[in-house]
Amino acid sequence: MKQISINSGKTVKALGLILSLSAMPLLLGVTGCTTDSRYEQSTGERIDDHGTSSLVKAALSEDAQYKYDDVSVKTFKGTVQLSGFVNSRDQKNRAADLAKKVPAVKEVVNNITVKESVN
């Protein structure tokens, strides 16, 4: 009788250990959902950035002074990157000014290239 209780005690401990180890990936997966990385976005940040990009694109397209057909807008954690081509330095600067006025924009990186005129 003593051997049965000793073996069943070891079995219970082994099962407890197995259950504990198998639950660890689940716990790590649940607690690992948030990200503080400066190189990764959470789902909420991605949604917000998409909305910010849309607002900046709308502001550029509504500008009466210039057309921004060749300008691309990308947003990452509130920082808007403008890229593409425009005809003048004034147009490049105006695009950045319009983007800065959008409420959700934290910073603007203006990588727009001014086309060189061929004389």
PDB file of N, CA and C in Angstrom:
ATOM      1  N   MET A   1       0.814  -1.187   0.000  1.00  0.00           N
ATOM      2  CA  MET A   1       0.000   0.000   0.000  1.00  0.00           C
ATOM      3  C   MET A   1       0.858   1.251   0.000  1.00  0.00           C
ATOM      4  N   LYS A   2       1.980   1.228   0.715  1.00  0.00           N
ATOM      5  CA  LYS A   2       2.829   2.398   0.765  1.00  0.00           C
ATOM      6  C   LYS A   2       3.399   2.732  -0.605  1.00  0.00           C
ATOM      7  N   GLN A   3       3.747   1.743  -1.412  1.00  0.00           N
ATOM      8  CA  GLN A   3       4.297   2.008  -2.727  1.00  0.00           C
ATOM      9  C   GLN A   3       3.277   2.686  -3.625  1.00  0.00           C
ATOM     10  N   ILE A   4       2.053   2.323  -3.521  1.00  0.00           N
ATOM     11  CA  ILE A   4       1.008   2.922  -4.336  1.00  0.00           C
ATOM     12  C   ILE A   4       0.861   4.404  -3.990  1.00  0.00           C
ATOM     13  N   SER A   5       0.855   4.758  -2.726  1.00  0.00           N
ATOM     14  CA  SER A   5       0.701   6.149  -2.339  1.00  0.00           C
ATOM     15  C   SER A   5       1.939   6.965  -2.706  1.00  0.00           C
ATOM     16  N   ILE A   6       3.138   6.367  -2.623  1.00  0.00           N
ATOM     17  CA  ILE A   6       4.355   7.072  -3.019  1.00  0.00           C
ATOM     18  C   ILE A   6       4.340   7.310  -4.519  1.00  0.00           C
ATOM     19  N   ASN A   7       3.992   6.319  -5.293  1.00  0.00           N
ATOM     20  CA  ASN A   7       3.938   6.473  -6.746  1.00  0.00           C
ATOM     21  C   ASN A   7       2.862   7.462  -7.163  1.00  0.00           C
ATOM     22  N   SER A   8       1.711   7.406  -6.515  1.00  0.00           N
ATOM     23  CA  SER A   8       0.656   8.340  -6.883  1.00  0.00           C
ATOM     24  C   SER A   8       1.041   9.763  -6.485  1.00  0.00           C
ATOM     25  N   GLY A   9       1.803   9.935  -5.394  1.00  0.00           N
ATOM     26  CA  GLY A   9       2.298  11.253  -5.004  1.00  0.00           C
ATOM     27  C   GLY A   9       3.277  11.791  -6.031  1.00  0.00           C
ATOM     28  N   LYS A  10       4.157  10.933  -6.555  1.00  0.00           N
ATOM     29  CA  LYS A  10       5.104  11.355  -7.597  1.00  0.00           C
ATOM     30  C   LYS A  10       4.360  11.679  -8.892  1.00  0.00           C
ATOM     31  N   THR A  11       3.328  10.917  -9.169  1.00  0.00           N
ATOM     32  CA  THR A  11       2.543  11.149 -10.374  1.00  0.00           C
ATOM     33  C   THR A  11       1.837  12.500 -10.307  1.00  0.00           C
ATOM     34  N   VAL A  12       1.288  12.818  -9.145  1.00  0.00           N
ATOM     35  CA  VAL A  12       0.604  14.098  -8.969  1.00  0.00           C
ATOM     36  C   VAL A  12       1.598  15.244  -9.133  1.00  0.00           C
ATOM     37  N   LYS A  13       2.788  15.099  -8.551  1.00  0.00           N
ATOM     38  CA  LYS A  13       3.816  16.139  -8.690  1.00  0.00           C
ATOM     39  C   LYS A  13       4.235  16.291 -10.149  1.00  0.00           C
ATOM     40  N   ALA A  14       4.413  15.183 -10.853  1.00  0.00           N
ATOM     41  CA  ALA A  14       4.809  15.226 -12.261  1.00  0.00           C
ATOM     42  C   ALA A  14       3.721  15.899 -13.103  1.00  0.00           C
ATOM     43  N   LEU A  15       2.464  15.565 -12.837  1.00  0.00           N
ATOM     44  CA  LEU A  15       1.367  16.192 -13.571  1.00  0.00           C
ATOM     45  C   LEU A  15       1.301  17.690 -13.268  1.00  0.00           C
ATOM     46  N   GLY A  16       1.528  18.046 -12.032  1.00  0.00           N
ATOM     47  CA  GLY A  16       1.539  19.468 -11.662  1.00  0.00           C
ATOM     48  C   GLY A  16       2.645  20.223 -12.380  1.00  0.00           C
ATOM     49  N   LEU A  17       3.817  19.602 -12.464  1.00  0.00           N
ATOM     50  CA  LEU A  17       4.946  20.214 -13.166  1.00  0.00           C
ATOM     51  C   LEU A  17       4.637  20.358 -14.657  1.00  0.00           C
ATOM     52  N   ILE A  18       4.082  19.347 -15.245  1.00  0.00           N
ATOM     53  CA  ILE A  18       3.731  19.385 -16.671  1.00  0.00           C
ATOM     54  C   ILE A  18       2.701  20.478 -16.946  1.00  0.00           C
ATOM     55  N   LEU A  19       1.680  20.570 -16.099  1.00  0.00           N
ATOM     56  CA  LEU A  19       0.658  21.611 -16.277  1.00  0.00           C
ATOM     57  C   LEU A  19       1.249  23.004 -16.109  1.00  0.00           C
ATOM     58  N   SER A  20       2.139  23.158 -15.155  1.00  0.00           N
ATOM     59  CA  SER A  20       2.764  24.468 -14.935  1.00  0.00           C
ATOM     60  C   SER A  20       3.598  24.884 -16.133  1.00  0.00           C
ATOM     61  N   LEU A  21       4.390  23.961 -16.645  1.00  0.00           N
ATOM     62  CA  LEU A  21       5.245  24.271 -17.785  1.00  0.00           C
ATOM     63  C   LEU A  21       4.440  24.521 -19.056  1.00  0.00           C
ATOM     64  N   SER A  22       3.343  23.784 -19.220  1.00  0.00           N
ATOM     65  CA  SER A  22       2.539  23.981 -20.426  1.00  0.00           C
ATOM     66  C   SER A  22       1.741  25.283 -20.369  1.00  0.00           C
ATOM     67  N   ALA A  23       1.495  25.814 -19.181  1.00  0.00           N
ATOM     68  CA  ALA A  23       0.755  27.081 -19.058  1.00  0.00           C
ATOM     69  C   ALA A  23       1.653  28.289 -19.281  1.00  0.00           C
ATOM     70  N   MET A  24       2.975  28.138 -19.159  1.00  0.00           N
ATOM     71  CA  MET A  24       3.892  29.273 -19.297  1.00  0.00           C
ATOM     72  C   MET A  24       3.790  29.964 -20.658  1.00  0.00           C
ATOM     73  N   PRO A  25       3.798  29.253 -21.784  1.00  0.00           N
ATOM     74  CA  PRO A  25       3.678  29.964 -23.069  1.00  0.00           C
ATOM     75  C   PRO A  25       2.378  30.752 -23.182  1.00  0.00           C
ATOM     76  N   LEU A  26       1.312  30.220 -22.622  1.00  0.00           N
ATOM     77  CA  LEU A  26       0.035  30.932 -22.653  1.00  0.00           C
ATOM     78  C   LEU A  26       0.133  32.228 -21.857  1.00  0.00           C
ATOM     79  N   LEU A  27       0.697  32.156 -20.666  1.00  0.00           N
ATOM     80  CA  LEU A  27       0.847  33.357 -19.843  1.00  0.00           C
ATOM     81  C   LEU A  27       1.778  34.366 -20.491  1.00  0.00           C
ATOM     82  N   LEU A  28       2.868  33.906 -21.065  1.00  0.00           N
ATOM     83  CA  LEU A  28       3.801  34.809 -21.728  1.00  0.00           C
ATOM     84  C   LEU A  28       3.173  35.435 -22.968  1.00  0.00           C
ATOM     85  N   GLY A  29       2.377  34.657 -23.664  1.00  0.00           N
ATOM     86  CA  GLY A  29       1.705  35.184 -24.846  1.00  0.00           C
ATOM     87  C   GLY A  29       0.691  36.260 -24.503  1.00  0.00           C
ATOM     88  N   VAL A  30      -0.031  36.088 -23.419  1.00  0.00           N
ATOM     89  CA  VAL A  30      -1.034  37.069 -23.009  1.00  0.00           C
ATOM     90  C   VAL A  30      -0.374  38.337 -22.508  1.00  0.00           C
ATOM     91  N   THR A  31       0.670  38.205 -21.715  1.00  0.00           N
ATOM     92  CA  THR A  31       1.317  39.400 -21.170  1.00  0.00           C
ATOM     93  C   THR A  31       2.230  40.066 -22.187  1.00  0.00           C
ATOM     94  N   GLY A  32       2.559  39.381 -23.265  1.00  0.00           N
ATOM     95  CA  GLY A  32       3.438  39.953 -24.274  1.00  0.00           C
ATOM     96  C   GLY A  32       2.707  40.687 -25.380  1.00  0.00           C
ATOM     97  N   CYS A  33       1.444  41.018 -25.198  1.00  0.00           N
ATOM     98  CA  CYS A  33       0.654  41.669 -26.238  1.00  0.00           C
ATOM     99  C   CYS A  33       0.993  43.142 -26.408  1.00  0.00           C
ATOM    100  N   THR A  34       1.412  43.795 -25.362  1.00  0.00           N
ATOM    101  CA  THR A  34       1.732  45.212 -25.485  1.00  0.00           C
ATOM    102  C   THR A  34       3.166  45.374 -25.946  1.00  0.00           C
ATOM    103  N   THR A  35       3.413  46.486 -26.627  1.00  0.00           N
ATOM    104  CA  THR A  35       4.750  46.743 -27.120  1.00  0.00           C
ATOM    105  C   THR A  35       5.164  48.164 -26.768  1.00  0.00           C
ATOM    106  N   ASP A  36       6.358  48.286 -26.253  1.00  0.00           N
ATOM    107  CA  ASP A  36       6.909  49.605 -25.976  1.00  0.00           C
ATOM    108  C   ASP A  36       8.060  49.888 -26.924  1.00  0.00           C
ATOM    109  N   SER A  37       8.202  49.040 -27.919  1.00  0.00           N
ATOM    110  CA  SER A  37       9.308  49.181 -28.840  1.00  0.00           C
ATOM    111  C   SER A  37       9.135  50.422 -29.701  1.00  0.00           C
ATOM    112  N   ARG A  38      10.214  51.093 -29.930  1.00  0.00           N
ATOM    113  CA  ARG A  38      10.133  52.271 -30.784  1.00  0.00           C
ATOM    114  C   ARG A  38      10.073  51.892 -32.256  1.00  0.00           C
ATOM    115  N   TYR A  39      10.243  50.597 -32.574  1.00  0.00           N
ATOM    116  CA  TYR A  39      10.241  50.150 -33.959  1.00  0.00           C
ATOM    117  C   TYR A  39       8.992  49.358 -34.329  1.00  0.00           C
ATOM    118  N   GLU A  40       8.095  49.141 -33.374  1.00  0.00           N
ATOM    119  CA  GLU A  40       6.883  48.374 -33.633  1.00  0.00           C
ATOM    120  C   GLU A  40       5.671  49.178 -33.189  1.00  0.00           C
ATOM    121  N   GLN A  41       4.555  48.962 -33.870  1.00  0.00           N
ATOM    122  CA  GLN A  41       3.304  49.644 -33.550  1.00  0.00           C
ATOM    123  C   GLN A  41       2.319  48.660 -32.936  1.00  0.00           C
ATOM    124  N   SER A  42       1.534  49.137 -32.004  1.00  0.00           N
ATOM    125  CA  SER A  42       0.413  48.345 -31.532  1.00  0.00           C
ATOM    126  C   SER A  42      -0.711  48.489 -32.567  1.00  0.00           C
ATOM    127  N   THR A  43      -1.736  47.689 -32.431  1.00  0.00           N
ATOM    128  CA  THR A  43      -2.859  47.779 -33.355  1.00  0.00           C
ATOM    129  C   THR A  43      -3.516  49.154 -33.281  1.00  0.00           C
ATOM    130  N   GLY A  44      -3.664  49.685 -32.078  1.00  0.00           N
ATOM    131  CA  GLY A  44      -4.261  51.005 -31.914  1.00  0.00           C
ATOM    132  C   GLY A  44      -3.431  52.099 -32.564  1.00  0.00           C
ATOM    133  N   GLU A  45      -2.104  52.018 -32.407  1.00  0.00           N
ATOM    134  CA  GLU A  45      -1.223  53.008 -33.040  1.00  0.00           C
ATOM    135  C   GLU A  45      -1.311  52.921 -34.550  1.00  0.00           C
ATOM    136  N   ARG A  46      -1.397  51.708 -35.071  1.00  0.00           N
ATOM    137  CA  ARG A  46      -1.501  51.517 -36.519  1.00  0.00           C
ATOM    138  C   ARG A  46      -2.781  52.147 -37.049  1.00  0.00           C
ATOM    139  N   ILE A  47      -3.869  51.966 -36.325  1.00  0.00           N
ATOM    140  CA  ILE A  47      -5.150  52.553 -36.733  1.00  0.00           C
ATOM    141  C   ILE A  47      -5.077  54.076 -36.667  1.00  0.00           C
ATOM    142  N   ASP A  48      -4.517  54.597 -35.575  1.00  0.00           N
ATOM    143  CA  ASP A  48      -4.378  56.052 -35.435  1.00  0.00           C
ATOM    144  C   ASP A  48      -3.507  56.633 -36.547  1.00  0.00           C
ATOM    145  N   ASP A  49      -2.397  55.972 -36.837  1.00  0.00           N
ATOM    146  CA  ASP A  49      -1.492  56.465 -37.874  1.00  0.00           C
ATOM    147  C   ASP A  49      -2.131  56.443 -39.250  1.00  0.00           C
ATOM    148  N   HIS A  50      -2.942  55.429 -39.509  1.00  0.00           N
ATOM    149  CA  HIS A  50      -3.644  55.372 -40.796  1.00  0.00           C
ATOM    150  C   HIS A  50      -4.590  56.566 -40.920  1.00  0.00           C
ATOM    151  N   GLY A  51      -5.298  56.872 -39.833  1.00  0.00           N
ATOM    152  CA  GLY A  51      -6.191  58.027 -39.836  1.00  0.00           C
ATOM    153  C   GLY A  51      -5.432  59.333 -40.013  1.00  0.00           C
ATOM    154  N   THR A  52      -4.270  59.446 -39.367  1.00  0.00           N
ATOM    155  CA  THR A  52      -3.445  60.650 -39.499  1.00  0.00           C
ATOM    156  C   THR A  52      -2.987  60.815 -40.940  1.00  0.00           C
ATOM    157  N   SER A  53      -2.527  59.731 -41.559  1.00  0.00           N
ATOM    158  CA  SER A  53      -2.099  59.794 -42.962  1.00  0.00           C
ATOM    159  C   SER A  53      -3.248  60.259 -43.853  1.00  0.00           C
ATOM    160  N   SER A  54      -4.443  59.752 -43.585  1.00  0.00           N
ATOM    161  CA  SER A  54      -5.607  60.152 -44.377  1.00  0.00           C
ATOM    162  C   SER A  54      -5.912  61.633 -44.213  1.00  0.00           C
ATOM    163  N   LEU A  55      -5.791  62.147 -42.982  1.00  0.00           N
ATOM    164  CA  LEU A  55      -6.046  63.566 -42.744  1.00  0.00           C
ATOM    165  C   LEU A  55      -5.007  64.452 -43.443  1.00  0.00           C
ATOM    166  N   VAL A  56      -3.748  64.016 -43.431  1.00  0.00           N
ATOM    167  CA  VAL A  56      -2.690  64.789 -44.101  1.00  0.00           C
ATOM    168  C   VAL A  56      -2.913  64.771 -45.608  1.00  0.00           C
ATOM    169  N   LYS A  57      -3.252  63.608 -46.162  1.00  0.00           N
ATOM    170  CA  LYS A  57      -3.529  63.520 -47.600  1.00  0.00           C
ATOM    171  C   LYS A  57      -4.688  64.430 -47.985  1.00  0.00           C
ATOM    172  N   ALA A  58      -5.709  64.465 -47.141  1.00  0.00           N
ATOM    173  CA  ALA A  58      -6.865  65.328 -47.413  1.00  0.00           C
ATOM    174  C   ALA A  58      -6.458  66.802 -47.375  1.00  0.00           C
ATOM    175  N   ALA A  59      -5.621  67.169 -46.400  1.00  0.00           N
ATOM    176  CA  ALA A  59      -5.164  68.560 -46.299  1.00  0.00           C
ATOM    177  C   ALA A  59      -4.354  68.948 -47.529  1.00  0.00           C
ATOM    178  N   LEU A  60      -3.515  68.046 -48.015  1.00  0.00           N
ATOM    179  CA  LEU A  60      -2.716  68.327 -49.215  1.00  0.00           C
ATOM    180  C   LEU A  60      -3.597  68.429 -50.451  1.00  0.00           C
ATOM    181  N   SER A  61      -4.585  67.560 -50.558  1.00  0.00           N
ATOM    182  CA  SER A  61      -5.433  67.571 -51.758  1.00  0.00           C
ATOM    183  C   SER A  61      -6.387  68.761 -51.775  1.00  0.00           C
ATOM    184  N   GLU A  62      -6.711  69.322 -50.608  1.00  0.00           N
ATOM    185  CA  GLU A  62      -7.617  70.471 -50.542  1.00  0.00           C
ATOM    186  C   GLU A  62      -6.901  71.803 -50.731  1.00  0.00           C
ATOM    187  N   ASP A  63      -5.578  71.773 -50.833  1.00  0.00           N
ATOM    188  CA  ASP A  63      -4.823  73.017 -50.992  1.00  0.00           C
ATOM    189  C   ASP A  63      -5.126  73.648 -52.342  1.00  0.00           C
ATOM    190  N   ALA A  64      -5.543  74.910 -52.316  1.00  0.00           N
ATOM    191  CA  ALA A  64      -5.920  75.614 -53.545  1.00  0.00           C
ATOM    192  C   ALA A  64      -4.702  76.099 -54.329  1.00  0.00           C
ATOM    193  N   GLN A  65      -3.571  76.241 -53.652  1.00  0.00           N
ATOM    194  CA  GLN A  65      -2.398  76.818 -54.292  1.00  0.00           C
ATOM    195  C   GLN A  65      -1.610  75.797 -55.131  1.00  0.00           C
ATOM    196  N   TYR A  66      -1.462  74.594 -54.630  1.00  0.00           N
ATOM    197  CA  TYR A  66      -0.656  73.580 -55.323  1.00  0.00           C
ATOM    198  C   TYR A  66      -1.410  72.263 -55.415  1.00  0.00           C
ATOM    199  N   LYS A  67      -0.938  71.418 -56.327  1.00  0.00           N
ATOM    200  CA  LYS A  67      -1.435  70.048 -56.414  1.00  0.00           C
ATOM    201  C   LYS A  67      -0.316  69.133 -55.934  1.00  0.00           C
ATOM    202  N   TYR A  68      -0.672  68.119 -55.152  1.00  0.00           N
ATOM    203  CA  TYR A  68       0.326  67.208 -54.574  1.00  0.00           C
ATOM    204  C   TYR A  68       0.082  65.779 -55.049  1.00  0.00           C
ATOM    205  N   ASP A  69      -0.025  65.611 -56.365  1.00  0.00           N
ATOM    206  CA  ASP A  69      -0.298  64.290 -56.932  1.00  0.00           C
ATOM    207  C   ASP A  69       0.866  63.325 -56.745  1.00  0.00           C
ATOM    208  N   ASP A  70       2.090  63.834 -56.720  1.00  0.00           N
ATOM    209  CA  ASP A  70       3.271  62.968 -56.634  1.00  0.00           C
ATOM    210  C   ASP A  70       3.869  62.911 -55.233  1.00  0.00           C
ATOM    211  N   VAL A  71       3.066  63.215 -54.205  1.00  0.00           N
ATOM    212  CA  VAL A  71       3.554  63.194 -52.830  1.00  0.00           C
ATOM    213  C   VAL A  71       2.914  62.026 -52.086  1.00  0.00           C
ATOM    214  N   SER A  72       3.759  61.253 -51.423  1.00  0.00           N
ATOM    215  CA  SER A  72       3.319  60.113 -50.624  1.00  0.00           C
ATOM    216  C   SER A  72       3.366  60.485 -49.149  1.00  0.00           C
ATOM    217  N   VAL A  73       2.402  59.995 -48.373  1.00  0.00           N
ATOM    218  CA  VAL A  73       2.325  60.284 -46.945  1.00  0.00           C
ATOM    219  C   VAL A  73       2.341  58.966 -46.178  1.00  0.00           C
ATOM    220  N   LYS A  74       3.281  58.831 -45.266  1.00  0.00           N
ATOM    221  CA  LYS A  74       3.351  57.664 -44.378  1.00  0.00           C
ATOM    222  C   LYS A  74       3.461  58.174 -42.955  1.00  0.00           C
ATOM    223  N   THR A  75       2.815  57.492 -42.015  1.00  0.00           N
ATOM    224  CA  THR A  75       2.841  57.908 -40.616  1.00  0.00           C
ATOM    225  C   THR A  75       3.251  56.738 -39.743  1.00  0.00           C
ATOM    226  N   PHE A  76       4.136  57.007 -38.783  1.00  0.00           N
ATOM    227  CA  PHE A  76       4.568  55.999 -37.809  1.00  0.00           C
ATOM    228  C   PHE A  76       4.637  56.660 -36.443  1.00  0.00           C
ATOM    229  N   LYS A  77       3.747  56.226 -35.547  1.00  0.00           N
ATOM    230  CA  LYS A  77       3.681  56.757 -34.187  1.00  0.00           C
ATOM    231  C   LYS A  77       3.572  58.276 -34.154  1.00  0.00           C
ATOM    232  N   GLY A  78       2.750  58.824 -35.040  1.00  0.00           N
ATOM    233  CA  GLY A  78       2.490  60.257 -35.062  1.00  0.00           C
ATOM    234  C   GLY A  78       3.476  61.079 -35.873  1.00  0.00           C
ATOM    235  N   THR A  79       4.558  60.464 -36.338  1.00  0.00           N
ATOM    236  CA  THR A  79       5.532  61.161 -37.181  1.00  0.00           C
ATOM    237  C   THR A  79       5.166  60.923 -38.638  1.00  0.00           C
ATOM    238  N   VAL A  80       4.933  62.011 -39.349  1.00  0.00           N
ATOM    239  CA  VAL A  80       4.519  61.939 -40.752  1.00  0.00           C
ATOM    240  C   VAL A  80       5.738  62.123 -41.640  1.00  0.00           C
ATOM    241  N   GLN A  81       5.884  61.225 -42.600  1.00  0.00           N
ATOM    242  CA  GLN A  81       6.963  61.340 -43.585  1.00  0.00           C
ATOM    243  C   GLN A  81       6.340  61.659 -44.934  1.00  0.00           C
ATOM    244  N   LEU A  82       6.787  62.775 -45.499  1.00  0.00           N
ATOM    245  CA  LEU A  82       6.357  63.166 -46.840  1.00  0.00           C
ATOM    246  C   LEU A  82       7.478  62.810 -47.809  1.00  0.00           C
ATOM    247  N   SER A  83       7.114  62.206 -48.918  1.00  0.00           N
ATOM    248  CA  SER A  83       8.116  61.895 -49.945  1.00  0.00           C
ATOM    249  C   SER A  83       7.458  62.036 -51.307  1.00  0.00           C
ATOM    250  N   GLY A  84       8.283  62.119 -52.319  1.00  0.00           N
ATOM    251  CA  GLY A  84       7.775  62.280 -53.670  1.00  0.00           C
ATOM    252  C   GLY A  84       8.420  63.477 -54.334  1.00  0.00           C
ATOM    253  N   PHE A  85       7.727  64.048 -55.320  1.00  0.00           N
ATOM    254  CA  PHE A  85       8.295  65.117 -56.135  1.00  0.00           C
ATOM    255  C   PHE A  85       7.337  66.290 -56.249  1.00  0.00           C
ATOM    256  N   VAL A  86       7.897  67.489 -56.194  1.00  0.00           N
ATOM    257  CA  VAL A  86       7.142  68.721 -56.429  1.00  0.00           C
ATOM    258  C   VAL A  86       7.966  69.617 -57.352  1.00  0.00           C
ATOM    259  N   ASN A  87       7.364  70.691 -57.840  1.00  0.00           N
ATOM    260  CA  ASN A  87       8.022  71.555 -58.820  1.00  0.00           C
ATOM    261  C   ASN A  87       8.850  72.683 -58.206  1.00  0.00           C
ATOM    262  N   SER A  88       8.589  73.043 -56.947  1.00  0.00           N
ATOM    263  CA  SER A  88       9.313  74.178 -56.372  1.00  0.00           C
ATOM    264  C   SER A  88       9.570  73.976 -54.875  1.00  0.00           C
ATOM    265  N   ARG A  89      10.531  74.732 -54.372  1.00  0.00           N
ATOM    266  CA  ARG A  89      10.846  74.706 -52.946  1.00  0.00           C
ATOM    267  C   ARG A  89       9.658  75.228 -52.134  1.00  0.00           C
ATOM    268  N   ASP A  90       8.967  76.250 -52.649  1.00  0.00           N
ATOM    269  CA  ASP A  90       7.778  76.766 -51.961  1.00  0.00           C
ATOM    270  C   ASP A  90       6.716  75.687 -51.795  1.00  0.00           C
ATOM    271  N   GLN A  91       6.542  74.887 -52.824  1.00  0.00           N
ATOM    272  CA  GLN A  91       5.562  73.805 -52.778  1.00  0.00           C
ATOM    273  C   GLN A  91       5.972  72.764 -51.724  1.00  0.00           C
ATOM    274  N   LYS A  92       7.249  72.445 -51.654  1.00  0.00           N
ATOM    275  CA  LYS A  92       7.763  71.499 -50.658  1.00  0.00           C
ATOM    276  C   LYS A  92       7.507  72.033 -49.250  1.00  0.00           C
ATOM    277  N   ASN A  93       7.853  73.291 -49.015  1.00  0.00           N
ATOM    278  CA  ASN A  93       7.672  73.884 -47.692  1.00  0.00           C
ATOM    279  C   ASN A  93       6.193  73.970 -47.300  1.00  0.00           C
ATOM    280  N   ARG A  94       5.358  74.298 -48.279  1.00  0.00           N
ATOM    281  CA  ARG A  94       3.922  74.406 -48.010  1.00  0.00           C
ATOM    282  C   ARG A  94       3.339  73.043 -47.623  1.00  0.00           C
ATOM    283  N   ALA A  95       3.798  71.988 -48.263  1.00  0.00           N
ATOM    284  CA  ALA A  95       3.315  70.640 -47.927  1.00  0.00           C
ATOM    285  C   ALA A  95       3.630  70.314 -46.463  1.00  0.00           C
ATOM    286  N   ALA A  96       4.835  70.653 -46.020  1.00  0.00           N
ATOM    287  CA  ALA A  96       5.209  70.409 -44.627  1.00  0.00           C
ATOM    288  C   ALA A  96       4.359  71.241 -43.681  1.00  0.00           C
ATOM    289  N   ASP A  97       4.117  72.499 -44.033  1.00  0.00           N
ATOM    290  CA  ASP A  97       3.287  73.372 -43.196  1.00  0.00           C
ATOM    291  C   ASP A  97       1.863  72.840 -43.071  1.00  0.00           C
ATOM    292  N   LEU A  98       1.303  72.369 -44.184  1.00  0.00           N
ATOM    293  CA  LEU A  98      -0.049  71.814 -44.151  1.00  0.00           C
ATOM    294  C   LEU A  98      -0.104  70.561 -43.274  1.00  0.00           C
ATOM    295  N   ALA A  99       0.903  69.714 -43.375  1.00  0.00           N
ATOM    296  CA  ALA A  99       0.946  68.487 -42.575  1.00  0.00           C
ATOM    297  C   ALA A  99       1.063  68.809 -41.085  1.00  0.00           C
ATOM    298  N   LYS A 100       1.868  69.817 -40.737  1.00  0.00           N
ATOM    299  CA  LYS A 100       2.052  70.190 -39.322  1.00  0.00           C
ATOM    300  C   LYS A 100       0.768  70.695 -38.688  1.00  0.00           C
ATOM    301  N   LYS A 101      -0.144  71.209 -39.486  1.00  0.00           N
ATOM    302  CA  LYS A 101      -1.396  71.761 -38.957  1.00  0.00           C
ATOM    303  C   LYS A 101      -2.425  70.682 -38.632  1.00  0.00           C
ATOM    304  N   VAL A 102      -2.203  69.461 -39.078  1.00  0.00           N
ATOM    305  CA  VAL A 102      -3.129  68.369 -38.768  1.00  0.00           C
ATOM    306  C   VAL A 102      -2.951  68.017 -37.285  1.00  0.00           C
ATOM    307  N   PRO A 103      -4.043  67.993 -36.513  1.00  0.00           N
ATOM    308  CA  PRO A 103      -3.949  67.862 -35.056  1.00  0.00           C
ATOM    309  C   PRO A 103      -3.163  66.656 -34.529  1.00  0.00           C
ATOM    310  N   ALA A 104      -3.264  65.500 -35.149  1.00  0.00           N
ATOM    311  CA  ALA A 104      -2.622  64.298 -34.615  1.00  0.00           C
ATOM    312  C   ALA A 104      -1.133  64.195 -34.966  1.00  0.00           C
ATOM    313  N   VAL A 105      -0.616  65.117 -35.769  1.00  0.00           N
ATOM    314  CA  VAL A 105       0.774  65.047 -36.217  1.00  0.00           C
ATOM    315  C   VAL A 105       1.702  65.556 -35.118  1.00  0.00           C
ATOM    316  N   LYS A 106       2.670  64.709 -34.734  1.00  0.00           N
ATOM    317  CA  LYS A 106       3.658  65.094 -33.725  1.00  0.00           C
ATOM    318  C   LYS A 106       4.884  65.733 -34.363  1.00  0.00           C
ATOM    319  N   GLU A 107       5.255  65.214 -35.532  1.00  0.00           N
ATOM    320  CA  GLU A 107       6.467  65.672 -36.219  1.00  0.00           C
ATOM    321  C   GLU A 107       6.303  65.406 -37.708  1.00  0.00           C
ATOM    322  N   VAL A 108       6.970  66.223 -38.530  1.00  0.00           N
ATOM    323  CA  VAL A 108       6.943  66.024 -39.985  1.00  0.00           C
ATOM    324  C   VAL A 108       8.369  65.871 -40.476  1.00  0.00           C
ATOM    325  N   VAL A 109       8.608  64.797 -41.214  1.00  0.00           N
ATOM    326  CA  VAL A 109       9.885  64.579 -41.880  1.00  0.00           C
ATOM    327  C   VAL A 109       9.628  64.818 -43.368  1.00  0.00           C
ATOM    328  N   ASN A 110      10.201  65.892 -43.884  1.00  0.00           N
ATOM    329  CA  ASN A 110       9.928  66.293 -45.263  1.00  0.00           C
ATOM    330  C   ASN A 110      11.032  65.793 -46.184  1.00  0.00           C
ATOM    331  N   ASN A 111      10.779  64.669 -46.824  1.00  0.00           N
ATOM    332  CA  ASN A 111      11.722  64.081 -47.777  1.00  0.00           C
ATOM    333  C   ASN A 111      11.281  64.306 -49.217  1.00  0.00           C
ATOM    334  N   ILE A 112      10.491  65.328 -49.447  1.00  0.00           N
ATOM    335  CA  ILE A 112      10.039  65.650 -50.800  1.00  0.00           C
ATOM    336  C   ILE A 112      11.221  66.185 -51.597  1.00  0.00           C
ATOM    337  N   THR A 113      11.331  65.753 -52.825  1.00  0.00           N
ATOM    338  CA  THR A 113      12.388  66.204 -53.728  1.00  0.00           C
ATOM    339  C   THR A 113      11.822  67.242 -54.698  1.00  0.00           C
ATOM    340  N   VAL A 114      12.546  68.347 -54.854  1.00  0.00           N
ATOM    341  CA  VAL A 114      12.153  69.365 -55.808  1.00  0.00           C
ATOM    342  C   VAL A 114      12.718  68.982 -57.172  1.00  0.00           C
ATOM    343  N   LYS A 115      11.837  68.910 -58.173  1.00  0.00           N
ATOM    344  CA  LYS A 115      12.281  68.564 -59.528  1.00  0.00           C
ATOM    345  C   LYS A 115      13.168  69.674 -60.070  1.00  0.00           C
ATOM    346  N   GLU A 116      14.209  69.267 -60.720  1.00  0.00           N
ATOM    347  CA  GLU A 116      15.083  70.249 -61.352  1.00  0.00           C
ATOM    348  C   GLU A 116      14.479  70.641 -62.690  1.00  0.00           C
ATOM    349  N   SER A 117      14.442  71.935 -62.942  1.00  0.00           N
ATOM    350  CA  SER A 117      13.895  72.375 -64.224  1.00  0.00           C
ATOM    351  C   SER A 117      15.002  72.305 -65.266  1.00  0.00           C
ATOM    352  N   VAL A 118      14.645  71.811 -66.437  1.00  0.00           N
ATOM    353  CA  VAL A 118      15.599  71.696 -67.552  1.00  0.00           C
ATOM    354  C   VAL A 118      15.444  72.939 -68.398  1.00  0.00           C
ATOM    355  N   ASN A 119      16.526  73.711 -68.534  1.00  0.00           N
ATOM    356  CA  ASN A 119      16.475  74.949 -69.323  1.00  0.00           C
ATOM    357  C   ASN A 119      17.063  74.749 -70.684  1.00  0.00           C
TER     358      ASN A 119
END
